[in-house]
Structure formats: structure tokens, C-alpha cells
Amino acid sequence: MLEPDLDQTVREAVARQLRIPAARLTGDVVLDSIGLDDDATAVGVLEAVEDVLEVRFPDDFLDGLRTFGELSSAVRIAVGV
């Protein structure tokens, strides 16, 4: 599924899963600072993004990603946008 604004779609899915305002998810926000510091939360966020985009990512997709901007870029690359 290709959205006109993939970054916003990812932002909204992550915000909804973490129950935080989407506006808080700027490119430089550190993922650990918004609750992605444990495996269960990370899996939930990854599944939320997968569901909204109707794609599947490898289990280690979030490994090495430090900021929301990196996450958004990785999603964009993974879906070929």
C-alpha cells in the first residue's frame, strides 16, 4: 500500500501504538525516549506499521535504528518508495 505521505502514515501508526501525540514524532526524536526501549513495545510498533502498510518486515527490522527519522527512512526504503 503506497500512501501519498508515507512518513505521516508511519508517524500516526507509531503514535497510536505508543499512545503519544503524533506531533511528538519528529525526525530526530530518539526511539528509546518514546518507549521503544523494550522488545515487547518494539514488536507492537513494528506490527502496527506492518498492519497499516499491509507489509511484513523482518523481525530485526528495528535493530540499529536510533531515531524516528531513521525508522521512517528504513520503512520508505523497505517498501520501495
Protein backbone atom coordinates (compact mmCIF):
# COMPACT_ATOMS: atom_id res chain seq x y z
CA MET A 1 0.00 0.00 0.00
CA LEU A 2 1.56 3.30 -1.05
CA GLU A 3 0.33 6.35 0.79
CA PRO A 4 0.72 9.89 -0.53
CA ASP A 5 2.59 10.72 2.66
CA LEU A 6 4.23 7.55 3.89
CA ASP A 7 6.08 9.36 6.68
CA GLN A 8 2.81 10.68 8.12
CA THR A 9 1.21 7.24 7.89
CA VAL A 10 4.13 5.71 9.80
CA ARG A 11 4.06 8.58 12.31
CA GLU A 12 0.35 8.07 13.00
CA ALA A 13 0.70 4.28 13.37
CA VAL A 14 3.60 4.62 15.81
CA ALA A 15 1.88 7.37 17.78
CA ARG A 16 -1.32 5.37 18.04
CA GLN A 17 0.54 2.28 19.24
CA LEU A 18 2.57 4.22 21.81
CA ARG A 19 -0.37 6.43 22.80
CA ILE A 20 1.57 9.64 22.26
CA PRO A 21 0.80 12.71 20.12
CA ALA A 22 1.92 12.25 16.51
CA ALA A 23 3.44 15.74 16.61
CA ARG A 24 5.98 14.45 19.13
CA LEU A 25 7.46 12.16 16.46
CA THR A 26 9.91 14.46 14.75
CA GLY A 27 12.79 13.06 12.72
CA ASP A 28 15.34 13.50 15.48
CA VAL A 29 13.33 12.03 18.38
CA VAL A 30 15.24 9.10 19.87
CA LEU A 31 13.18 5.90 19.77
CA ASP A 32 14.24 4.87 23.28
CA SER A 33 12.90 8.18 24.63
CA ILE A 34 9.39 7.40 23.38
CA GLY A 35 9.20 3.90 24.80
CA LEU A 36 10.85 1.74 22.16
CA ASP A 37 13.40 0.54 24.67
CA ASP A 38 11.96 -2.91 25.25
CA ASP A 39 11.28 -5.80 22.90
CA ALA A 40 7.54 -6.09 23.55
CA THR A 41 6.90 -2.44 22.72
CA ALA A 42 9.14 -2.61 19.65
CA VAL A 43 7.27 -5.66 18.34
CA GLY A 44 3.93 -3.92 18.88
CA VAL A 45 5.09 -0.83 17.00
CA LEU A 46 6.52 -2.89 14.15
CA GLU A 47 3.25 -4.84 13.85
CA ALA A 48 1.23 -1.61 13.87
CA VAL A 49 3.29 -0.22 10.98
CA GLU A 50 3.06 -3.54 9.12
CA ASP A 51 -0.71 -3.61 9.52
CA VAL A 52 -1.31 -0.08 8.29
CA LEU A 53 1.02 -0.53 5.30
CA GLU A 54 -0.04 -4.13 4.62
CA VAL A 55 3.58 -5.32 4.52
CA ARG A 56 5.83 -7.56 6.60
CA PHE A 57 9.28 -6.65 7.86
CA PRO A 58 11.99 -8.97 9.23
CA ASP A 59 11.99 -9.45 13.00
CA ASP A 60 15.24 -7.50 13.28
CA PHE A 61 13.95 -4.53 11.26
CA LEU A 62 14.28 -2.07 14.14
CA ASP A 63 17.78 -3.20 15.11
CA GLY A 64 20.23 -0.34 14.82
CA LEU A 65 17.59 2.32 14.26
CA ARG A 66 18.04 5.15 16.74
CA THR A 67 15.65 7.94 15.71
CA PHE A 68 12.17 8.23 14.27
CA GLY A 69 13.72 9.70 11.12
CA GLU A 70 15.84 6.57 10.69
CA LEU A 71 12.75 4.41 11.21
CA SER A 72 10.77 6.38 8.66
CA SER A 73 13.61 6.19 6.13
CA ALA A 74 14.01 2.44 6.68
CA VAL A 75 10.30 1.92 6.06
CA ARG A 76 10.44 4.04 2.92
CA ILE A 77 13.39 2.01 1.59
CA ALA A 78 11.79 -1.32 2.56
CA VAL A 79 8.57 -0.58 0.69
CA GLY A 80 10.41 0.86 -2.29
CA VAL A 81 9.34 4.48 -2.09
